[in-house]
Amino acid sequence: MSTIQQCKFSILELAPIHDHGTAQQALHQALDLAQHAEKWGYHRFWIAEHHNMSGIASSATSVLLGYLAANTTTLRLGSGGIMLPNHAPLVVAEQFGTLATLYPNRIDLGLGRAPGTDPTTMRALRRGRQETEDQFPHDVLEILNYFDDAKPRQQIVATPGEGTHVPVYLLGSSLFSAQLAARLGLPYAFASHFAPRMMMQAIQLYRENFQASDDLEKPYVILGVPSLVADSDEEAEYLATTIYQRILGLIRGQSIKLKPPIESMHGLWNEAEKNTVHNFLGVAKFGSPHTVKQQLIEFLNVTQADELIFTCDVYAPEARLRSFELLKQLQD
């Protein structure tokens, strides 16, 4: 049974931009959070790839990872994830092979099947490449091959990349990647931080069909969890209005830059929008340390997750740092 002390705690960062802030500030705050996460003992720190979103500064994921790695010393860093349809597998292998060569035993590569953006931007990223559902497994295998030791007469070698054996994780919000991760014997991360509906079905499918590989003997499940820990439940609910406004902007197709917390969401959303936001946050853990700890204990009893990777998009940087500090202390 996975307990709160046994479970690994990690952070998923999107480098959120404030309503009156800049991308530069968001990137510097990402580093500040990573440095604190290293000090507090978080297991890993992942960056998510998104494009053409005014409120997210983590589009050049591998570049940002290099900045974070150069200014930390022990923290595991990686992508959560690289959206593989946007990239040639060789380029991904070379980028992460370079990171792994510069920062050995610290770099992860999480791979997603979605483009992480809208159709117009997707076409701009792909530059005419046509992806099919069958292409993703092929691309994953190609990357794994590049990270392996080079074979005799191998025509294409990732340099750097060859022989680095960068750990690869498959990410998903449906059942497709769960099945593929099980078949390839790879660790699996479910995007329950924004799409929790199929979480339990995906976990069950992955665990029941898992085939051991050279890199992984048994299933390894990571779950995304929106989090917000404050000194009281009331303060947490107040700070959470920033998160509610951000998701409301997302579903309306408006700006998702972080907005200051407000006393009440009443009048800002209709009942259907309120339900959509709360469904989006279906596995969120918001509240005081006592409240969140009880929520996490119940969540782990049900899911038996090996690792939880937390998001937290509150407005004030100091409140976000405080939330992650209090969260990690729940394992003491």
Protein backbone atom coordinates (compact mmCIF):
# COMPACT_ATOMS: atom_id res chain seq x y z
CA MET A 1 0.00 0.00 0.00
CA SER A 2 1.33 3.43 -0.99
CA THR A 3 1.37 5.86 1.94
CA ILE A 4 1.93 9.59 1.96
CA GLN A 5 5.45 9.00 3.31
CA GLN A 6 6.33 6.37 0.69
CA CYS A 7 4.91 8.24 -2.27
CA LYS A 8 7.31 10.51 -4.18
CA PHE A 9 6.31 14.19 -4.37
CA SER A 10 7.22 16.16 -7.50
CA ILE A 11 6.32 19.45 -9.20
CA LEU A 12 4.91 20.19 -12.67
CA GLU A 13 5.67 23.75 -13.78
CA LEU A 14 4.11 25.71 -16.65
CA ALA A 15 5.93 29.00 -15.90
CA PRO A 16 2.64 30.92 -15.50
CA ILE A 17 2.63 34.59 -16.54
CA HIS A 18 0.81 37.15 -14.39
CA ASP A 19 -1.76 39.57 -15.76
CA HIS A 20 0.68 42.49 -15.49
CA GLY A 21 3.84 40.40 -15.59
CA THR A 22 6.26 39.28 -18.28
CA ALA A 23 7.55 35.98 -19.63
CA GLN A 24 10.97 36.88 -18.26
CA GLN A 25 9.55 37.17 -14.75
CA ALA A 26 7.75 33.84 -15.16
CA LEU A 27 10.96 32.09 -16.21
CA HIS A 28 12.90 33.55 -13.29
CA GLN A 29 10.13 32.47 -10.91
CA ALA A 30 10.31 28.95 -12.38
CA LEU A 31 13.99 28.83 -11.44
CA ASP A 32 13.25 30.18 -7.97
CA LEU A 33 10.68 27.44 -7.45
CA ALA A 34 13.06 24.77 -8.75
CA GLN A 35 15.80 25.91 -6.37
CA HIS A 36 13.37 25.80 -3.45
CA ALA A 37 12.07 22.39 -4.56
CA GLU A 38 15.62 21.07 -4.52
CA LYS A 39 16.13 22.41 -0.99
CA TRP A 40 12.82 21.00 0.26
CA GLY A 41 13.52 17.53 -1.15
CA TYR A 42 11.06 17.20 -4.02
CA HIS A 43 11.83 14.20 -6.20
CA ARG A 44 11.63 15.82 -9.64
CA PHE A 45 10.64 19.03 -11.40
CA TRP A 46 9.02 18.78 -14.83
CA ILE A 47 8.24 21.45 -17.41
CA ALA A 48 5.17 21.22 -19.68
CA GLU A 49 5.22 22.17 -23.37
CA HIS A 50 2.46 24.50 -24.56
CA HIS A 51 2.35 26.88 -27.52
CA ASN A 52 0.57 30.11 -28.43
CA MET A 53 -0.79 30.55 -24.89
CA SER A 54 -0.32 34.02 -23.49
CA GLY A 55 -0.25 32.81 -19.89
CA ILE A 56 2.39 30.08 -20.24
CA ALA A 57 6.12 30.69 -20.78
CA SER A 58 7.37 27.09 -21.01
CA SER A 59 7.05 26.65 -24.80
CA ALA A 60 10.79 26.09 -25.43
CA THR A 61 10.87 23.24 -22.94
CA SER A 62 14.38 21.87 -23.49
CA VAL A 63 15.87 25.38 -23.45
CA LEU A 64 14.18 26.15 -20.14
CA LEU A 65 15.39 22.83 -18.72
CA GLY A 66 18.96 23.81 -19.56
CA TYR A 67 18.52 27.07 -17.64
CA LEU A 68 17.11 25.22 -14.62
CA ALA A 69 19.76 22.50 -14.70
CA ALA A 70 22.59 25.04 -14.87
CA ASN A 71 21.31 26.72 -11.71
CA THR A 72 20.49 23.65 -9.59
CA THR A 73 22.70 20.76 -8.52
CA THR A 74 20.77 17.61 -7.59
CA LEU A 75 17.11 18.02 -8.59
CA ARG A 76 15.81 15.70 -11.34
CA LEU A 77 14.51 17.75 -14.24
CA GLY A 78 12.46 16.78 -17.24
CA SER A 79 9.56 17.32 -19.58
CA GLY A 80 6.00 16.75 -18.59
CA GLY A 81 5.96 16.54 -21.43
CA ILE A 82 7.44 17.05 -24.83
CA MET A 83 4.51 16.90 -27.26
CA LEU A 84 6.03 14.47 -29.72
CA PRO A 85 3.79 15.22 -32.75
CA ASN A 86 5.42 18.67 -32.85
CA HIS A 87 8.98 17.37 -33.17
CA ALA A 88 11.21 15.04 -35.14
CA PRO A 89 12.32 12.18 -32.84
CA LEU A 90 15.99 12.69 -33.70
CA VAL A 91 15.85 16.35 -32.65
CA VAL A 92 14.23 15.40 -29.33
CA ALA A 93 16.87 12.72 -28.74
CA GLU A 94 19.68 15.17 -29.50
CA GLN A 95 18.24 17.88 -27.24
CA PHE A 96 17.70 15.58 -24.26
CA GLY A 97 20.87 13.67 -25.00
CA THR A 98 22.72 16.98 -24.76
CA LEU A 99 21.03 17.80 -21.45
CA ALA A 100 21.81 14.32 -20.10
CA THR A 101 25.45 14.63 -21.21
CA LEU A 102 25.84 17.99 -19.48
CA TYR A 103 23.85 16.98 -16.37
CA PRO A 104 24.22 13.18 -15.95
CA ASN A 105 21.56 11.21 -14.07
CA ARG A 106 19.31 14.26 -13.68
CA ILE A 107 17.27 14.42 -16.91
CA ASP A 108 13.91 12.75 -17.73
CA LEU A 109 12.01 12.74 -21.00
CA GLY A 110 8.23 12.63 -20.65
CA LEU A 111 6.42 12.25 -23.99
CA GLY A 112 2.87 13.22 -24.86
CA ARG A 113 0.75 12.37 -27.91
CA ALA A 114 -1.27 15.61 -28.08
CA PRO A 115 0.05 18.75 -29.82
CA GLY A 116 -0.53 20.93 -26.74
CA THR A 117 -2.02 23.77 -28.74
CA ASP A 118 -4.73 24.80 -31.22
CA PRO A 119 -4.98 23.48 -34.83
CA THR A 120 -3.59 26.66 -36.42
CA THR A 121 -0.53 26.68 -34.18
CA MET A 122 -0.19 22.93 -34.66
CA ARG A 123 0.21 23.46 -38.40
CA ALA A 124 2.82 26.14 -37.76
CA LEU A 125 4.79 23.76 -35.54
CA ARG A 126 4.60 20.73 -37.77
CA ARG A 127 5.39 22.60 -41.00
CA GLY A 128 3.36 20.16 -43.08
CA ARG A 129 4.11 16.95 -41.21
CA GLN A 130 1.04 14.71 -41.07
CA GLU A 131 0.84 12.62 -37.91
CA THR A 132 -1.36 9.57 -37.43
CA GLU A 133 -2.28 7.61 -34.31
CA ASP A 134 0.13 4.90 -35.41
CA GLN A 135 3.02 7.36 -35.67
CA PHE A 136 3.37 8.03 -31.92
CA PRO A 137 4.42 4.46 -30.94
CA HIS A 138 6.87 4.44 -33.85
CA ASP A 139 8.37 7.77 -32.76
CA VAL A 140 8.67 6.60 -29.14
CA LEU A 141 10.55 3.49 -30.24
CA GLU A 142 12.79 5.61 -32.45
CA ILE A 143 13.75 7.83 -29.51
CA LEU A 144 14.40 4.82 -27.26
CA ASN A 145 16.69 3.46 -29.96
CA TYR A 146 18.62 6.74 -30.16
CA PHE A 147 19.22 6.71 -26.39
CA ASP A 148 20.45 3.11 -26.48
CA ASP A 149 23.99 2.06 -27.29
CA ALA A 150 24.66 2.40 -31.01
CA LYS A 151 24.47 -0.80 -33.05
CA PRO A 152 26.98 -1.87 -35.71
CA ARG A 153 26.27 -0.13 -39.05
CA GLN A 154 23.57 2.04 -37.44
CA GLN A 155 23.00 4.78 -40.01
CA ILE A 156 21.66 7.53 -37.73
CA VAL A 157 23.19 8.16 -34.31
CA ALA A 158 22.08 10.87 -31.90
CA THR A 159 25.16 12.87 -30.95
CA PRO A 160 24.89 13.65 -28.06
CA GLY A 161 22.26 11.11 -27.05
CA GLU A 162 23.63 7.72 -27.96
CA GLY A 163 24.31 5.65 -24.86
CA THR A 164 22.78 8.17 -22.46
CA HIS A 165 19.77 5.93 -21.68
CA VAL A 166 17.63 8.94 -20.73
CA PRO A 167 14.59 7.63 -18.79
CA VAL A 168 11.46 7.90 -20.95
CA TYR A 169 7.97 8.33 -19.47
CA LEU A 170 4.70 8.20 -21.39
CA LEU A 171 2.05 10.79 -20.55
CA GLY A 172 -1.63 10.74 -21.35
CA SER A 173 -5.18 11.72 -20.45
CA SER A 174 -6.88 8.74 -22.14
CA LEU A 175 -6.27 5.01 -22.49
CA PHE A 176 -3.98 5.04 -25.54
CA SER A 177 -0.70 5.89 -23.80
CA ALA A 178 -1.60 3.66 -20.84
CA GLN A 179 -1.74 0.69 -23.21
CA LEU A 180 1.47 1.69 -24.98
CA ALA A 181 3.37 2.28 -21.72
CA ALA A 182 2.25 -1.14 -20.48
CA ARG A 183 3.35 -2.85 -23.70
CA LEU A 184 6.76 -1.14 -23.76
CA GLY A 185 7.40 -1.50 -20.02
CA LEU A 186 7.68 2.25 -19.45
CA PRO A 187 6.53 4.37 -16.49
CA TYR A 188 3.20 6.10 -17.03
CA ALA A 189 2.01 9.55 -15.99
CA PHE A 190 -1.71 10.34 -16.17
CA ALA A 191 -2.79 13.95 -16.67
CA SER A 192 -5.34 13.91 -13.87
CA HIS A 193 -4.42 17.51 -13.01
CA PHE A 194 -6.70 18.64 -15.84
CA ALA A 195 -8.49 15.53 -17.20
CA PRO A 196 -9.27 13.20 -14.30
CA ARG A 197 -12.31 11.45 -15.80
CA MET A 198 -10.55 8.30 -17.06
CA MET A 199 -7.86 8.16 -14.37
CA MET A 200 -8.83 4.95 -12.60
CA GLN A 201 -9.59 3.13 -15.85
CA ALA A 202 -6.20 4.12 -17.28
CA ILE A 203 -4.33 3.05 -14.13
CA GLN A 204 -6.07 -0.33 -14.11
CA LEU A 205 -5.42 -0.90 -17.82
CA TYR A 206 -1.75 0.00 -17.42
CA ARG A 207 -1.15 -2.19 -14.39
CA GLU A 208 -3.04 -5.22 -15.69
CA ASN A 209 -1.25 -5.22 -19.04
CA PHE A 210 2.23 -4.17 -17.93
CA GLN A 211 5.12 -6.12 -19.45
CA ALA A 212 8.45 -5.83 -17.64
CA SER A 213 11.33 -4.31 -19.61
CA ASP A 214 15.08 -3.96 -19.11
CA ASP A 215 14.46 -0.54 -17.53
CA LEU A 216 11.37 -1.24 -15.41
CA GLU A 217 10.38 -4.44 -13.60
CA LYS A 218 6.93 -3.41 -12.41
CA PRO A 219 4.36 -0.69 -13.19
CA TYR A 220 5.14 2.85 -12.10
CA VAL A 221 2.26 5.34 -11.94
CA ILE A 222 2.56 9.13 -11.67
CA LEU A 223 -0.60 11.21 -11.21
CA GLY A 224 -0.97 14.95 -11.76
CA VAL A 225 -2.64 16.77 -8.87
CA PRO A 226 -3.64 20.46 -8.64
CA SER A 227 -2.63 21.61 -5.16
CA LEU A 228 -2.93 24.62 -2.90
CA VAL A 229 -1.90 24.50 0.75
CA ALA A 230 -2.40 27.57 2.95
CA ASP A 231 -2.52 28.21 6.67
CA SER A 232 -6.31 27.76 6.71
CA ASP A 233 -9.07 26.33 4.53
CA GLU A 234 -10.50 29.82 4.17
CA GLU A 235 -7.23 31.29 2.90
CA ALA A 236 -6.82 28.40 0.48
CA GLU A 237 -10.31 28.93 -0.94
CA TYR A 238 -9.57 32.64 -1.38
CA LEU A 239 -6.26 31.97 -3.16
CA ALA A 240 -7.91 29.30 -5.32
CA THR A 241 -10.02 31.94 -7.06
CA THR A 242 -6.93 32.71 -9.16
CA ILE A 243 -6.97 29.10 -10.38
CA TYR A 244 -10.73 29.21 -11.00
CA GLN A 245 -10.34 32.39 -13.08
CA ARG A 246 -7.49 30.86 -15.08
CA ILE A 247 -9.50 27.76 -16.02
CA LEU A 248 -12.58 29.87 -16.74
CA GLY A 249 -10.47 31.91 -19.17
CA LEU A 250 -9.26 28.69 -20.78
CA ILE A 251 -12.74 27.29 -21.42
CA ARG A 252 -13.94 30.65 -22.73
CA GLY A 253 -10.97 30.99 -25.08
CA GLN A 254 -9.76 34.07 -23.21
CA SER A 255 -6.44 34.95 -21.60
CA ILE A 256 -5.15 32.49 -19.00
CA LYS A 257 -2.70 34.90 -17.40
CA LEU A 258 -2.85 34.70 -13.62
CA LYS A 259 -5.26 37.16 -12.04
CA PRO A 260 -5.32 38.28 -8.39
CA PRO A 261 -7.58 36.34 -6.03
CA ILE A 262 -11.06 37.72 -5.37
CA GLU A 263 -13.52 37.36 -2.53
CA SER A 264 -16.08 35.41 -4.54
CA MET A 265 -16.57 33.90 -8.00
CA HIS A 266 -20.28 34.68 -7.78
CA GLY A 267 -21.36 36.53 -10.90
CA LEU A 268 -18.19 35.64 -12.84
CA TRP A 269 -19.32 32.22 -13.99
CA ASN A 270 -22.62 30.55 -14.76
CA GLU A 271 -23.58 27.19 -13.33
CA ALA A 272 -22.40 25.22 -16.36
CA GLU A 273 -19.02 26.96 -16.32
CA LYS A 274 -18.69 26.40 -12.58
CA ASN A 275 -19.31 22.68 -13.07
CA THR A 276 -16.77 22.53 -15.91
CA VAL A 277 -14.11 24.20 -13.77
CA HIS A 278 -14.76 21.84 -10.87
CA ASN A 279 -14.67 18.82 -13.20
CA PHE A 280 -11.31 20.08 -14.50
CA LEU A 281 -10.14 20.18 -10.89
CA GLY A 282 -11.68 16.82 -10.00
CA VAL A 283 -8.65 15.56 -8.06
CA ALA A 284 -7.51 18.96 -6.70
CA LYS A 285 -6.30 19.13 -3.10
CA PHE A 286 -6.93 22.59 -1.66
CA GLY A 287 -6.97 23.61 1.99
CA SER A 288 -5.01 23.77 5.22
CA PRO A 289 -2.19 21.29 5.86
CA HIS A 290 -4.54 19.07 7.89
CA THR A 291 -7.23 19.13 5.19
CA VAL A 292 -4.85 18.43 2.30
CA LYS A 293 -3.09 15.64 4.18
CA GLN A 294 -6.38 13.84 4.75
CA GLN A 295 -7.33 14.34 1.10
CA LEU A 296 -3.99 12.91 -0.06
CA ILE A 297 -4.23 9.91 2.26
CA GLU A 298 -7.65 9.07 0.81
CA PHE A 299 -6.43 9.66 -2.75
CA LEU A 300 -3.44 7.34 -2.31
CA ASN A 301 -5.61 4.68 -0.68
CA VAL A 302 -7.71 4.62 -3.85
CA THR A 303 -5.03 5.05 -6.54
CA GLN A 304 -1.91 3.51 -4.96
CA ALA A 305 0.14 5.95 -7.03
CA ASP A 306 3.91 5.66 -6.87
CA GLU A 307 4.38 9.39 -7.37
CA LEU A 308 2.28 12.55 -7.33
CA ILE A 309 3.30 15.52 -9.46
CA PHE A 310 1.70 18.74 -8.24
CA THR A 311 0.69 21.95 -9.96
CA CYS A 312 -0.07 25.21 -8.13
CA ASP A 313 -1.05 28.35 -9.99
CA VAL A 314 -1.70 30.89 -7.24
CA TYR A 315 -1.07 34.57 -7.91
CA ALA A 316 1.60 35.75 -5.49
CA PRO A 317 4.98 34.00 -5.94
CA GLU A 318 5.51 33.92 -2.19
CA ALA A 319 2.12 32.21 -1.69
CA ARG A 320 3.04 29.61 -4.28
CA LEU A 321 6.35 28.92 -2.57
CA ARG A 322 4.57 28.70 0.77
CA SER A 323 2.07 26.21 -0.66
CA PHE A 324 4.77 23.89 -1.99
CA GLU A 325 6.74 24.13 1.25
CA LEU A 326 3.72 23.21 3.35
CA LEU A 327 2.86 20.43 0.92
CA LYS A 328 6.27 18.78 1.22
CA GLN A 329 6.12 19.05 5.02
CA LEU A 330 3.07 16.76 4.98
CA GLN A 331 5.49 13.86 4.46
CA ASP A 332 7.37 14.59 7.70
